[in-house]
Amino acid sequence: QVQLVESGGGLVQPGGSLRLSCVASGSGFRIGTMGWYRQAPGKERELVANIGRFGLTNYADSVKGRFTISRDNAKNTVSLQMNSLNAEDTAVYYCNAAVYSEGNFWGKGTLVTVSS
């Protein structure tokens, strides 16, 4: 069983920055694609960005140029640097990992609130 734990959420003013991190723990696993999703109040969960094991990235149009996803395969971590945040970025952010031969795993989420 793989567990994902997110950190780095919080309250930030419009135009500010936050960095989210997620670490995967367990034993004997190998991770494929890792990503970040978010769910705002009253809305469905949506993909923010993901990154393949060899670094291929994909971003939602709404965050292109503002967010950067990265990963460290040796440490089983994925990070999301978020810049130029605005109120529409307010949401619970979830880490996701596709683990070979085991399936898809989710973290419990971390809240990001963008407000003055």
C-alpha atoms as a PDB file:
ATOM      1  CA  GLN A   1       0.000   0.000   0.000  1.00  0.00           C
ATOM      2  CA  VAL A   2       1.267   3.441  -0.947  1.00  0.00           C
ATOM      3  CA  GLN A   3       0.494   6.527   1.079  1.00  0.00           C
ATOM      4  CA  LEU A   4       0.707  10.081  -0.226  1.00  0.00           C
ATOM      5  CA  VAL A   5       1.071  13.028   2.125  1.00  0.00           C
ATOM      6  CA  GLU A   6       0.789  16.610   0.916  1.00  0.00           C
ATOM      7  CA  SER A   7       2.171  19.715   2.574  1.00  0.00           C
ATOM      8  CA  GLY A   8       2.595  23.398   1.844  1.00  0.00           C
ATOM      9  CA  GLY A   9      -0.936  24.687   1.596  1.00  0.00           C
ATOM     10  CA  GLY A  10      -2.142  27.796   3.353  1.00  0.00           C
ATOM     11  CA  LEU A  11      -3.403  31.335   2.993  1.00  0.00           C
ATOM     12  CA  VAL A  12      -1.728  33.611   0.475  1.00  0.00           C
ATOM     13  CA  GLN A  13      -2.549  37.018  -0.938  1.00  0.00           C
ATOM     14  CA  PRO A  14      -3.393  37.477  -4.608  1.00  0.00           C
ATOM     15  CA  GLY A  15      -0.220  37.609  -6.644  1.00  0.00           C
ATOM     16  CA  GLY A  16       1.664  35.565  -4.096  1.00  0.00           C
ATOM     17  CA  SER A  17       3.348  32.183  -4.300  1.00  0.00           C
ATOM     18  CA  LEU A  18       3.139  28.815  -2.603  1.00  0.00           C
ATOM     19  CA  ARG A  19       4.970  25.556  -3.034  1.00  0.00           C
ATOM     20  CA  LEU A  20       3.168  22.277  -2.491  1.00  0.00           C
ATOM     21  CA  SER A  21       5.009  19.049  -1.841  1.00  0.00           C
ATOM     22  CA  CYS A  22       3.913  15.444  -1.762  1.00  0.00           C
ATOM     23  CA  VAL A  23       5.849  12.412  -0.596  1.00  0.00           C
ATOM     24  CA  ALA A  24       4.926   8.826  -1.319  1.00  0.00           C
ATOM     25  CA  SER A  25       5.733   6.182   1.263  1.00  0.00           C
ATOM     26  CA  GLY A  26       5.457   2.433   1.361  1.00  0.00           C
ATOM     27  CA  SER A  27       7.676  -0.412   0.242  1.00  0.00           C
ATOM     28  CA  GLY A  28       8.583  -2.041  -3.000  1.00  0.00           C
ATOM     29  CA  PHE A  29       6.730   0.327  -5.267  1.00  0.00           C
ATOM     30  CA  ARG A  30       7.561   2.146  -8.458  1.00  0.00           C
ATOM     31  CA  ILE A  31       5.672   5.240  -9.496  1.00  0.00           C
ATOM     32  CA  GLY A  32       4.706   6.248 -12.994  1.00  0.00           C
ATOM     33  CA  THR A  33       2.896   9.509 -13.512  1.00  0.00           C
ATOM     34  CA  MET A  34       2.496  11.851 -10.545  1.00  0.00           C
ATOM     35  CA  GLY A  35       0.242  14.833 -10.511  1.00  0.00           C
ATOM     36  CA  TRP A  36      -1.712  17.495  -8.728  1.00  0.00           C
ATOM     37  CA  TYR A  37      -5.461  17.924  -8.906  1.00  0.00           C
ATOM     38  CA  ARG A  38      -7.665  20.476  -7.223  1.00  0.00           C
ATOM     39  CA  GLN A  39     -11.255  20.799  -6.198  1.00  0.00           C
ATOM     40  CA  ALA A  40     -12.850  24.147  -5.523  1.00  0.00           C
ATOM     41  CA  PRO A  41     -16.099  24.462  -3.553  1.00  0.00           C
ATOM     42  CA  GLY A  42     -19.036  23.363  -5.661  1.00  0.00           C
ATOM     43  CA  LYS A  43     -16.835  22.201  -8.519  1.00  0.00           C
ATOM     44  CA  GLU A  44     -15.508  18.895  -9.750  1.00  0.00           C
ATOM     45  CA  ARG A  45     -11.947  17.799  -9.169  1.00  0.00           C
ATOM     46  CA  GLU A  46      -9.723  18.872 -12.037  1.00  0.00           C
ATOM     47  CA  LEU A  47      -6.204  18.181 -13.193  1.00  0.00           C
ATOM     48  CA  VAL A  48      -3.745  20.962 -12.460  1.00  0.00           C
ATOM     49  CA  ALA A  49      -0.537  19.375 -13.715  1.00  0.00           C
ATOM     50  CA  ASN A  50       1.134  16.016 -14.016  1.00  0.00           C
ATOM     51  CA  ILE A  51       4.593  14.723 -14.753  1.00  0.00           C
ATOM     52  CA  GLY A  52       5.743  11.426 -16.131  1.00  0.00           C
ATOM     53  CA  ARG A  53       8.493   9.357 -14.638  1.00  0.00           C
ATOM     54  CA  PHE A  54      10.965  10.736 -17.163  1.00  0.00           C
ATOM     55  CA  GLY A  55       9.872  14.337 -16.798  1.00  0.00           C
ATOM     56  CA  LEU A  56       7.201  14.886 -19.428  1.00  0.00           C
ATOM     57  CA  THR A  57       4.813  17.511 -18.077  1.00  0.00           C
ATOM     58  CA  ASN A  58       1.238  18.504 -18.746  1.00  0.00           C
ATOM     59  CA  TYR A  59      -0.574  21.573 -17.417  1.00  0.00           C
ATOM     60  CA  ALA A  60      -4.115  22.826 -17.310  1.00  0.00           C
ATOM     61  CA  ASP A  61      -4.502  25.902 -19.494  1.00  0.00           C
ATOM     62  CA  SER A  62      -5.506  27.969 -16.472  1.00  0.00           C
ATOM     63  CA  VAL A  63      -2.126  27.471 -14.773  1.00  0.00           C
ATOM     64  CA  LYS A  64       0.291  27.446 -17.704  1.00  0.00           C
ATOM     65  CA  GLY A  65       3.074  29.946 -17.178  1.00  0.00           C
ATOM     66  CA  ARG A  66       2.283  30.300 -13.477  1.00  0.00           C
ATOM     67  CA  PHE A  67       2.705  26.808 -12.015  1.00  0.00           C
ATOM     68  CA  THR A  68       5.639  24.437 -12.330  1.00  0.00           C
ATOM     69  CA  ILE A  69       5.550  20.764 -11.447  1.00  0.00           C
ATOM     70  CA  SER A  70       8.674  18.782 -10.621  1.00  0.00           C
ATOM     71  CA  ARG A  71       9.562  15.425  -9.115  1.00  0.00           C
ATOM     72  CA  ASP A  72      12.390  13.544  -7.502  1.00  0.00           C
ATOM     73  CA  ASN A  73      12.192   9.856  -8.349  1.00  0.00           C
ATOM     74  CA  ALA A  74      14.812   8.893  -5.782  1.00  0.00           C
ATOM     75  CA  LYS A  75      12.792  10.493  -2.995  1.00  0.00           C
ATOM     76  CA  ASN A  76       9.344   9.661  -4.420  1.00  0.00           C
ATOM     77  CA  THR A  77       8.296  13.273  -4.203  1.00  0.00           C
ATOM     78  CA  VAL A  78       6.405  15.642  -6.442  1.00  0.00           C
ATOM     79  CA  SER A  79       6.190  19.400  -5.993  1.00  0.00           C
ATOM     80  CA  LEU A  80       4.097  22.181  -7.399  1.00  0.00           C
ATOM     81  CA  GLN A  81       5.454  25.711  -7.434  1.00  0.00           C
ATOM     82  CA  MET A  82       2.557  28.121  -7.744  1.00  0.00           C
ATOM     83  CA  ASN A  83       3.170  31.743  -8.656  1.00  0.00           C
ATOM     84  CA  SER A  84       0.899  34.689  -9.432  1.00  0.00           C
ATOM     85  CA  LEU A  85      -1.908  33.089  -7.485  1.00  0.00           C
ATOM     86  CA  ASN A  86      -5.415  34.440  -7.798  1.00  0.00           C
ATOM     87  CA  ALA A  87      -8.752  33.776  -6.140  1.00  0.00           C
ATOM     88  CA  GLU A  88      -9.672  31.200  -8.774  1.00  0.00           C
ATOM     89  CA  ASP A  89      -6.798  29.051  -7.550  1.00  0.00           C
ATOM     90  CA  THR A  90      -8.467  28.607  -4.164  1.00  0.00           C
ATOM     91  CA  ALA A  91      -9.140  24.906  -3.726  1.00  0.00           C
ATOM     92  CA  VAL A  92      -8.118  21.741  -1.986  1.00  0.00           C
ATOM     93  CA  TYR A  93      -5.098  20.383  -3.840  1.00  0.00           C
ATOM     94  CA  TYR A  94      -4.631  16.637  -4.063  1.00  0.00           C
ATOM     95  CA  CYS A  95      -1.537  14.673  -4.923  1.00  0.00           C
ATOM     96  CA  ASN A  96      -1.979  11.679  -7.199  1.00  0.00           C
ATOM     97  CA  ALA A  97       0.358   8.852  -8.120  1.00  0.00           C
ATOM     98  CA  ALA A  98      -0.019   6.004 -10.555  1.00  0.00           C
ATOM     99  CA  VAL A  99       1.891   3.090  -9.051  1.00  0.00           C
ATOM    100  CA  TYR A 100       2.969   0.252 -11.314  1.00  0.00           C
ATOM    101  CA  SER A 101       1.029  -2.968 -10.657  1.00  0.00           C
ATOM    102  CA  GLU A 102      -0.894  -1.377  -7.777  1.00  0.00           C
ATOM    103  CA  GLY A 103      -3.086   1.343  -9.199  1.00  0.00           C
ATOM    104  CA  ASN A 104      -3.921   4.948  -8.547  1.00  0.00           C
ATOM    105  CA  PHE A 105      -3.408   6.586  -5.160  1.00  0.00           C
ATOM    106  CA  TRP A 106      -4.522   9.897  -3.681  1.00  0.00           C
ATOM    107  CA  GLY A 107      -3.410  12.068  -0.828  1.00  0.00           C
ATOM    108  CA  LYS A 108      -5.890  13.580   1.596  1.00  0.00           C
ATOM    109  CA  GLY A 109      -5.429  17.057   0.193  1.00  0.00           C
ATOM    110  CA  THR A 110      -4.086  20.393   1.312  1.00  0.00           C
ATOM    111  CA  LEU A 111      -6.092  23.615   1.275  1.00  0.00           C
ATOM    112  CA  VAL A 112      -4.885  26.626  -0.662  1.00  0.00           C
ATOM    113  CA  THR A 113      -6.737  29.868  -0.038  1.00  0.00           C
ATOM    114  CA  VAL A 114      -5.960  32.960  -2.066  1.00  0.00           C
ATOM    115  CA  SER A 115      -7.438  36.015  -0.426  1.00  0.00           C
ATOM    116  CA  SER A 116      -6.545  39.493   0.686  1.00  0.00           C
END
